[in-house]
Amino acid sequence: MGKSLRSLRAQANVVAMTEDQARAAIAEAEKAGFDLSLVDSNLALSIEQRLLRHDAALEFKLALRVAGEVM
């Protein structure tokens, strides 16, 4: 079985973790109900795209806060 893209990213970003530990951590997260496909899709974006999405989410959150204060 070849390495998944997720395990390659985990291995590249967490050098203190072995491949087996990364696989175990991913399996545990999935078992706990985490939707790791969202992480994969976000990591597929460029840094600029991620920042734009973050800014849009922050603006939406602030608009919700203002709307709540008006009521």
N, C-alpha and C. Protein backbone atom coordinates (compact mmCIF):
# COMPACT_ATOMS: atom_id res chain seq x y z
N MET A 1 0.85 -1.19 0.00
CA MET A 1 0.00 0.00 0.00
C MET A 1 0.89 1.24 0.00
N GLY A 2 0.70 2.14 -0.94
CA GLY A 2 1.50 3.34 -1.05
C GLY A 2 1.11 4.37 -0.01
N LYS A 3 1.98 5.31 0.18
CA LYS A 3 1.71 6.38 1.14
C LYS A 3 0.61 7.28 0.60
N SER A 4 -0.32 7.63 1.48
CA SER A 4 -1.35 8.57 1.07
C SER A 4 -0.78 9.98 1.12
N LEU A 5 -1.44 10.88 0.43
CA LEU A 5 -1.02 12.27 0.42
C LEU A 5 -1.04 12.82 1.84
N ARG A 6 -2.06 12.43 2.61
CA ARG A 6 -2.19 12.89 3.99
C ARG A 6 -1.01 12.43 4.84
N SER A 7 -0.60 11.17 4.69
CA SER A 7 0.51 10.68 5.51
C SER A 7 1.82 11.34 5.09
N LEU A 8 1.96 11.64 3.80
CA LEU A 8 3.17 12.35 3.36
C LEU A 8 3.23 13.74 3.96
N ARG A 9 2.08 14.43 3.98
CA ARG A 9 2.05 15.77 4.58
C ARG A 9 2.34 15.70 6.07
N ALA A 10 1.73 14.74 6.74
CA ALA A 10 1.95 14.60 8.18
C ALA A 10 3.42 14.33 8.46
N GLN A 11 4.01 13.46 7.68
CA GLN A 11 5.42 13.14 7.87
C GLN A 11 6.31 14.35 7.60
N ALA A 12 5.97 15.13 6.59
CA ALA A 12 6.78 16.29 6.25
C ALA A 12 6.65 17.40 7.28
N ASN A 13 5.47 17.54 7.88
CA ASN A 13 5.23 18.64 8.81
C ASN A 13 5.52 18.29 10.26
N VAL A 14 5.57 17.02 10.60
CA VAL A 14 5.83 16.61 11.99
C VAL A 14 6.99 15.64 11.96
N VAL A 15 8.19 16.18 11.99
CA VAL A 15 9.36 15.35 11.84
C VAL A 15 9.58 14.40 13.00
N ALA A 16 9.07 14.71 14.18
CA ALA A 16 9.26 13.86 15.34
C ALA A 16 8.33 12.64 15.29
N MET A 17 7.43 12.58 14.33
CA MET A 17 6.45 11.51 14.24
C MET A 17 6.84 10.55 13.13
N THR A 18 6.82 9.26 13.43
CA THR A 18 7.12 8.26 12.40
C THR A 18 5.91 8.11 11.49
N GLU A 19 6.10 7.43 10.36
CA GLU A 19 4.99 7.20 9.44
C GLU A 19 3.89 6.38 10.12
N ASP A 20 4.28 5.36 10.88
CA ASP A 20 3.29 4.54 11.59
C ASP A 20 2.52 5.37 12.61
N GLN A 21 3.21 6.27 13.31
CA GLN A 21 2.54 7.14 14.29
C GLN A 21 1.57 8.08 13.59
N ALA A 22 1.99 8.59 12.43
CA ALA A 22 1.12 9.50 11.68
C ALA A 22 -0.13 8.76 11.21
N ARG A 23 0.06 7.56 10.69
CA ARG A 23 -1.10 6.76 10.25
C ARG A 23 -2.04 6.48 11.42
N ALA A 24 -1.46 6.16 12.57
CA ALA A 24 -2.27 5.87 13.76
C ALA A 24 -3.03 7.12 14.20
N ALA A 25 -2.38 8.27 14.16
CA ALA A 25 -3.03 9.52 14.56
C ALA A 25 -4.16 9.87 13.61
N ILE A 26 -3.95 9.66 12.32
CA ILE A 26 -4.99 9.93 11.32
C ILE A 26 -6.16 8.98 11.53
N ALA A 27 -5.87 7.70 11.75
CA ALA A 27 -6.94 6.72 11.98
C ALA A 27 -7.73 7.06 13.24
N GLU A 28 -7.03 7.48 14.28
CA GLU A 28 -7.70 7.85 15.54
C GLU A 28 -8.59 9.08 15.34
N ALA A 29 -8.11 10.05 14.60
CA ALA A 29 -8.90 11.26 14.34
C ALA A 29 -10.15 10.91 13.52
N GLU A 30 -9.99 10.06 12.52
CA GLU A 30 -11.14 9.65 11.71
C GLU A 30 -12.14 8.85 12.55
N LYS A 31 -11.63 7.99 13.43
CA LYS A 31 -12.49 7.20 14.30
C LYS A 31 -13.28 8.10 15.25
N ALA A 32 -12.67 9.20 15.67
CA ALA A 32 -13.33 10.16 16.56
C ALA A 32 -14.33 11.04 15.82
N GLY A 33 -14.37 10.91 14.49
CA GLY A 33 -15.36 11.65 13.72
C GLY A 33 -14.86 12.90 13.03
N PHE A 34 -13.56 13.13 13.05
CA PHE A 34 -13.02 14.29 12.35
C PHE A 34 -13.08 14.06 10.85
N ASP A 35 -13.53 15.06 10.11
CA ASP A 35 -13.59 14.98 8.66
C ASP A 35 -12.29 15.53 8.09
N LEU A 36 -11.33 14.66 7.90
CA LEU A 36 -10.01 15.09 7.45
C LEU A 36 -9.98 15.46 5.97
N SER A 37 -11.06 15.17 5.24
CA SER A 37 -11.11 15.59 3.85
C SER A 37 -11.12 17.11 3.76
N LEU A 38 -11.66 17.76 4.79
CA LEU A 38 -11.63 19.23 4.81
C LEU A 38 -10.20 19.75 4.95
N VAL A 39 -9.40 19.06 5.74
CA VAL A 39 -7.99 19.43 5.89
C VAL A 39 -7.28 19.24 4.55
N ASP A 40 -7.51 18.09 3.92
CA ASP A 40 -6.87 17.82 2.63
C ASP A 40 -7.24 18.86 1.58
N SER A 41 -8.54 19.21 1.53
CA SER A 41 -8.96 20.18 0.51
C SER A 41 -8.38 21.56 0.80
N ASN A 42 -8.26 21.91 2.08
CA ASN A 42 -7.68 23.21 2.43
C ASN A 42 -6.19 23.24 2.10
N LEU A 43 -5.49 22.14 2.36
CA LEU A 43 -4.06 22.09 2.06
C LEU A 43 -3.78 22.07 0.56
N ALA A 44 -4.79 21.71 -0.23
CA ALA A 44 -4.61 21.72 -1.69
C ALA A 44 -4.64 23.14 -2.24
N LEU A 45 -5.14 24.09 -1.45
CA LEU A 45 -5.20 25.48 -1.88
C LEU A 45 -3.84 26.15 -1.71
N SER A 46 -3.64 27.22 -2.45
CA SER A 46 -2.42 28.00 -2.26
C SER A 46 -2.54 28.80 -0.95
N ILE A 47 -1.44 29.28 -0.47
CA ILE A 47 -1.46 30.10 0.75
C ILE A 47 -2.35 31.32 0.54
N GLU A 48 -2.25 31.94 -0.63
CA GLU A 48 -3.08 33.11 -0.92
C GLU A 48 -4.57 32.75 -0.87
N GLN A 49 -4.93 31.62 -1.45
CA GLN A 49 -6.34 31.20 -1.43
C GLN A 49 -6.82 30.95 0.00
N ARG A 50 -5.96 30.32 0.81
CA ARG A 50 -6.33 30.08 2.21
C ARG A 50 -6.51 31.38 2.97
N LEU A 51 -5.63 32.34 2.71
CA LEU A 51 -5.75 33.64 3.38
C LEU A 51 -7.02 34.37 2.96
N LEU A 52 -7.36 34.30 1.68
CA LEU A 52 -8.59 34.93 1.22
C LEU A 52 -9.82 34.30 1.86
N ARG A 53 -9.82 32.97 1.99
CA ARG A 53 -10.94 32.29 2.66
C ARG A 53 -11.00 32.67 4.14
N HIS A 54 -9.85 32.76 4.76
CA HIS A 54 -9.81 33.15 6.17
C HIS A 54 -10.38 34.56 6.34
N ASP A 55 -9.95 35.48 5.50
CA ASP A 55 -10.44 36.86 5.58
C ASP A 55 -11.95 36.92 5.38
N ALA A 56 -12.46 36.15 4.42
CA ALA A 56 -13.91 36.14 4.17
C ALA A 56 -14.66 35.58 5.38
N ALA A 57 -14.13 34.53 6.00
CA ALA A 57 -14.78 33.96 7.18
C ALA A 57 -14.74 34.94 8.34
N LEU A 58 -13.63 35.64 8.50
CA LEU A 58 -13.51 36.63 9.57
C LEU A 58 -14.50 37.78 9.36
N GLU A 59 -14.60 38.26 8.13
CA GLU A 59 -15.56 39.33 7.84
C GLU A 59 -16.99 38.88 8.13
N PHE A 60 -17.32 37.64 7.78
CA PHE A 60 -18.65 37.09 8.06
C PHE A 60 -18.90 37.01 9.56
N LYS A 61 -17.92 36.55 10.30
CA LYS A 61 -18.04 36.46 11.76
C LYS A 61 -18.27 37.83 12.37
N LEU A 62 -17.52 38.82 11.92
CA LEU A 62 -17.67 40.18 12.45
C LEU A 62 -19.04 40.76 12.09
N ALA A 63 -19.53 40.46 10.89
CA ALA A 63 -20.87 40.92 10.49
C ALA A 63 -21.94 40.28 11.37
N LEU A 64 -21.76 39.01 11.70
CA LEU A 64 -22.71 38.35 12.60
C LEU A 64 -22.69 38.98 13.99
N ARG A 65 -21.51 39.32 14.46
CA ARG A 65 -21.38 39.95 15.77
C ARG A 65 -22.12 41.29 15.79
N VAL A 66 -21.91 42.10 14.74
CA VAL A 66 -22.58 43.40 14.65
C VAL A 66 -24.10 43.20 14.59
N ALA A 67 -24.54 42.24 13.79
CA ALA A 67 -25.99 41.97 13.67
C ALA A 67 -26.57 41.56 15.02
N GLY A 68 -25.83 40.78 15.79
CA GLY A 68 -26.29 40.38 17.10
C GLY A 68 -26.36 41.52 18.08
N GLU A 69 -25.45 42.48 17.95
CA GLU A 69 -25.44 43.62 18.85
C GLU A 69 -26.59 44.59 18.53
N VAL A 70 -27.00 44.64 17.27
CA VAL A 70 -28.07 45.54 16.85
C VAL A 70 -29.40 45.05 17.39
N MET A 71 -29.57 43.75 17.51
CA MET A 71 -30.85 43.17 17.95
C MET A 71 -31.07 43.34 19.40
